[in-house]
């Protein structure tokens, strides 16, 4: 009877080990490096830098302009920025509304690899 008890303990031990190993294999396959997305690709895109640069220069254009010149200066800037974007293969949309000396801006940049947009107020 004593050997039968040891035999069952041995079987239970083997079944437990096989179960734990199986569980660890399943868990490791679920969190394997192949399933983790590579987010470093966004760092190689030029679009976010271009978009941010256009936004900063647009804000700077408004801030250095007199209230009377804002509309004319914005139109010139938008034409220039759109031309540069087009040369890079991007489509840049800048819509703005001037109210007194404040400007409400909606920007969108489209490329084959990215779509960026922002909406902001410049006072």
C-alpha atoms as a PDB file:
ATOM      1  CA  UNK A   1       0.000   0.000   0.000  1.00  0.00           C
ATOM      2  CA  UNK A   2       2.887   2.238   0.779  1.00  0.00           C
ATOM      3  CA  UNK A   3       4.319   1.954  -2.770  1.00  0.00           C
ATOM      4  CA  UNK A   4       0.922   2.738  -4.296  1.00  0.00           C
ATOM      5  CA  UNK A   5       0.870   6.018  -2.388  1.00  0.00           C
ATOM      6  CA  UNK A   6       4.353   6.902  -3.621  1.00  0.00           C
ATOM      7  CA  UNK A   7       3.321   5.991  -7.175  1.00  0.00           C
ATOM      8  CA  UNK A   8       0.321   8.376  -7.003  1.00  0.00           C
ATOM      9  CA  UNK A   9       2.500  11.120  -5.558  1.00  0.00           C
ATOM     10  CA  UNK A  10       4.916  10.581  -8.434  1.00  0.00           C
ATOM     11  CA  UNK A  11       2.102  10.702 -10.996  1.00  0.00           C
ATOM     12  CA  UNK A  12       0.701  13.858  -9.420  1.00  0.00           C
ATOM     13  CA  UNK A  13       4.161  15.431  -9.455  1.00  0.00           C
ATOM     14  CA  UNK A  14       4.675  14.608 -13.152  1.00  0.00           C
ATOM     15  CA  UNK A  15       1.193  15.867 -14.116  1.00  0.00           C
ATOM     16  CA  UNK A  16       1.760  19.078 -12.140  1.00  0.00           C
ATOM     17  CA  UNK A  17       5.160  19.696 -13.762  1.00  0.00           C
ATOM     18  CA  UNK A  18       3.781  19.042 -17.260  1.00  0.00           C
ATOM     19  CA  UNK A  19       0.855  21.381 -16.535  1.00  0.00           C
ATOM     20  CA  UNK A  20       3.116  24.170 -15.249  1.00  0.00           C
ATOM     21  CA  UNK A  21       5.516  23.834 -18.177  1.00  0.00           C
ATOM     22  CA  UNK A  22       2.572  23.975 -20.593  1.00  0.00           C
ATOM     23  CA  UNK A  23       1.206  27.050 -18.820  1.00  0.00           C
ATOM     24  CA  UNK A  24       4.576  28.804 -18.996  1.00  0.00           C
ATOM     25  CA  UNK A  25       4.951  27.968 -22.693  1.00  0.00           C
ATOM     26  CA  UNK A  26       1.516  29.387 -23.480  1.00  0.00           C
ATOM     27  CA  UNK A  27       2.216  32.529 -21.441  1.00  0.00           C
ATOM     28  CA  UNK A  28       5.592  33.074 -23.073  1.00  0.00           C
ATOM     29  CA  UNK A  29       4.116  32.708 -26.548  1.00  0.00           C
ATOM     30  CA  UNK A  30       1.459  35.286 -25.702  1.00  0.00           C
ATOM     31  CA  UNK A  31       3.989  37.875 -24.590  1.00  0.00           C
ATOM     32  CA  UNK A  32       6.773  36.975 -26.987  1.00  0.00           C
ATOM     33  CA  UNK A  33       8.779  39.756 -28.663  1.00  0.00           C
ATOM     34  CA  UNK A  34       7.105  38.964 -32.001  1.00  0.00           C
ATOM     35  CA  UNK A  35       3.759  40.098 -30.626  1.00  0.00           C
ATOM     36  CA  UNK A  36       5.066  43.400 -29.276  1.00  0.00           C
ATOM     37  CA  UNK A  37       4.529  46.180 -31.792  1.00  0.00           C
ATOM     38  CA  UNK A  38       7.544  48.164 -32.910  1.00  0.00           C
ATOM     39  CA  UNK A  39       6.750  51.781 -32.118  1.00  0.00           C
ATOM     40  CA  UNK A  40      10.179  53.068 -33.114  1.00  0.00           C
ATOM     41  CA  UNK A  41       8.987  53.507 -36.703  1.00  0.00           C
ATOM     42  CA  UNK A  42       7.204  56.745 -35.726  1.00  0.00           C
ATOM     43  CA  UNK A  43      10.599  58.242 -34.921  1.00  0.00           C
ATOM     44  CA  UNK A  44      11.717  57.797 -38.508  1.00  0.00           C
ATOM     45  CA  UNK A  45       8.747  59.708 -39.908  1.00  0.00           C
ATOM     46  CA  UNK A  46       9.458  63.272 -40.946  1.00  0.00           C
ATOM     47  CA  UNK A  47       5.783  64.286 -40.946  1.00  0.00           C
ATOM     48  CA  UNK A  48       5.437  65.009 -37.193  1.00  0.00           C
ATOM     49  CA  UNK A  49       8.488  67.272 -37.267  1.00  0.00           C
ATOM     50  CA  UNK A  50       7.293  69.103 -40.356  1.00  0.00           C
ATOM     51  CA  UNK A  51       3.817  69.516 -38.878  1.00  0.00           C
ATOM     52  CA  UNK A  52       5.169  70.868 -35.583  1.00  0.00           C
ATOM     53  CA  UNK A  53       7.504  73.242 -37.389  1.00  0.00           C
ATOM     54  CA  UNK A  54       4.664  74.637 -39.516  1.00  0.00           C
ATOM     55  CA  UNK A  55       2.543  75.099 -36.385  1.00  0.00           C
ATOM     56  CA  UNK A  56       5.337  76.919 -34.532  1.00  0.00           C
ATOM     57  CA  UNK A  57       6.053  79.204 -37.487  1.00  0.00           C
ATOM     58  CA  UNK A  58       2.345  79.916 -37.948  1.00  0.00           C
ATOM     59  CA  UNK A  59       2.091  80.984 -34.299  1.00  0.00           C
ATOM     60  CA  UNK A  60       5.228  83.089 -34.685  1.00  0.00           C
ATOM     61  CA  UNK A  61       3.789  84.751 -37.808  1.00  0.00           C
ATOM     62  CA  UNK A  62       0.675  85.798 -35.888  1.00  0.00           C
ATOM     63  CA  UNK A  63       2.643  86.986 -32.861  1.00  0.00           C
ATOM     64  CA  UNK A  64       4.984  89.237 -34.852  1.00  0.00           C
ATOM     65  CA  UNK A  65       2.202  90.677 -37.019  1.00  0.00           C
ATOM     66  CA  UNK A  66       0.248  93.835 -36.335  1.00  0.00           C
ATOM     67  CA  UNK A  67      -3.505  93.264 -36.117  1.00  0.00           C
ATOM     68  CA  UNK A  68      -3.933  94.978 -39.492  1.00  0.00           C
ATOM     69  CA  UNK A  69      -1.398  92.698 -41.212  1.00  0.00           C
ATOM     70  CA  UNK A  70      -2.408  89.342 -39.717  1.00  0.00           C
ATOM     71  CA  UNK A  71      -4.685  88.301 -42.582  1.00  0.00           C
ATOM     72  CA  UNK A  72      -2.155  89.168 -45.305  1.00  0.00           C
ATOM     73  CA  UNK A  73       0.778  87.583 -43.446  1.00  0.00           C
ATOM     74  CA  UNK A  74      -1.194  84.411 -42.727  1.00  0.00           C
ATOM     75  CA  UNK A  75      -2.216  84.063 -46.363  1.00  0.00           C
ATOM     76  CA  UNK A  76       1.404  84.419 -47.479  1.00  0.00           C
ATOM     77  CA  UNK A  77       2.578  81.906 -44.879  1.00  0.00           C
ATOM     78  CA  UNK A  78      -0.137  79.362 -45.748  1.00  0.00           C
ATOM     79  CA  UNK A  79       0.722  79.567 -49.454  1.00  0.00           C
ATOM     80  CA  UNK A  80       4.433  79.077 -48.719  1.00  0.00           C
ATOM     81  CA  UNK A  81       3.890  76.198 -46.250  1.00  0.00           C
ATOM     82  CA  UNK A  82       1.477  74.462 -48.631  1.00  0.00           C
ATOM     83  CA  UNK A  83       4.016  74.719 -51.461  1.00  0.00           C
ATOM     84  CA  UNK A  84       6.790  73.201 -49.304  1.00  0.00           C
ATOM     85  CA  UNK A  85       4.436  70.438 -48.137  1.00  0.00           C
ATOM     86  CA  UNK A  86       3.485  69.670 -51.731  1.00  0.00           C
ATOM     87  CA  UNK A  87       7.149  69.383 -52.704  1.00  0.00           C
ATOM     88  CA  UNK A  88       7.560  66.775 -49.939  1.00  0.00           C
ATOM     89  CA  UNK A  89       4.542  64.828 -51.191  1.00  0.00           C
ATOM     90  CA  UNK A  90       2.238  65.996 -48.372  1.00  0.00           C
ATOM     91  CA  UNK A  91      -1.119  67.713 -48.468  1.00  0.00           C
ATOM     92  CA  UNK A  92      -1.348  70.521 -45.940  1.00  0.00           C
ATOM     93  CA  UNK A  93      -4.688  72.102 -45.084  1.00  0.00           C
ATOM     94  CA  UNK A  94      -4.715  75.207 -42.920  1.00  0.00           C
ATOM     95  CA  UNK A  95      -8.026  76.891 -42.210  1.00  0.00           C
ATOM     96  CA  UNK A  96      -8.084  79.940 -40.011  1.00  0.00           C
ATOM     97  CA  UNK A  97     -10.443  82.619 -38.812  1.00  0.00           C
ATOM     98  CA  UNK A  98      -9.195  86.018 -37.689  1.00  0.00           C
ATOM     99  CA  UNK A  99     -11.281  87.784 -35.042  1.00  0.00           C
ATOM    100  CA  UNK A 100      -9.760  91.110 -34.080  1.00  0.00           C
ATOM    101  CA  UNK A 101      -6.181  90.121 -33.174  1.00  0.00           C
ATOM    102  CA  UNK A 102      -6.921  86.473 -32.349  1.00  0.00           C
ATOM    103  CA  UNK A 103      -6.746  83.580 -34.785  1.00  0.00           C
ATOM    104  CA  UNK A 104      -8.501  80.224 -34.601  1.00  0.00           C
ATOM    105  CA  UNK A 105      -6.583  77.615 -36.631  1.00  0.00           C
ATOM    106  CA  UNK A 106      -7.372  74.111 -37.883  1.00  0.00           C
ATOM    107  CA  UNK A 107      -4.442  72.275 -39.447  1.00  0.00           C
ATOM    108  CA  UNK A 108      -4.256  68.904 -41.157  1.00  0.00           C
ATOM    109  CA  UNK A 109      -1.315  67.172 -42.806  1.00  0.00           C
ATOM    110  CA  UNK A 110      -1.816  64.105 -44.995  1.00  0.00           C
ATOM    111  CA  UNK A 111       0.855  61.848 -46.410  1.00  0.00           C
ATOM    112  CA  UNK A 112       0.935  58.234 -47.541  1.00  0.00           C
ATOM    113  CA  UNK A 113       2.284  57.264 -44.092  1.00  0.00           C
ATOM    114  CA  UNK A 114       0.583  59.665 -41.660  1.00  0.00           C
ATOM    115  CA  UNK A 115      -2.347  61.931 -40.912  1.00  0.00           C
ATOM    116  CA  UNK A 116      -1.870  64.681 -38.345  1.00  0.00           C
ATOM    117  CA  UNK A 117      -4.301  67.339 -37.253  1.00  0.00           C
ATOM    118  CA  UNK A 118      -4.588  70.039 -34.642  1.00  0.00           C
ATOM    119  CA  UNK A 119      -6.896  72.859 -33.696  1.00  0.00           C
ATOM    120  CA  UNK A 120      -5.720  75.806 -31.625  1.00  0.00           C
ATOM    121  CA  UNK A 121      -6.201  79.466 -30.789  1.00  0.00           C
ATOM    122  CA  UNK A 122      -3.544  82.190 -31.076  1.00  0.00           C
ATOM    123  CA  UNK A 123      -4.035  85.424 -29.168  1.00  0.00           C
END
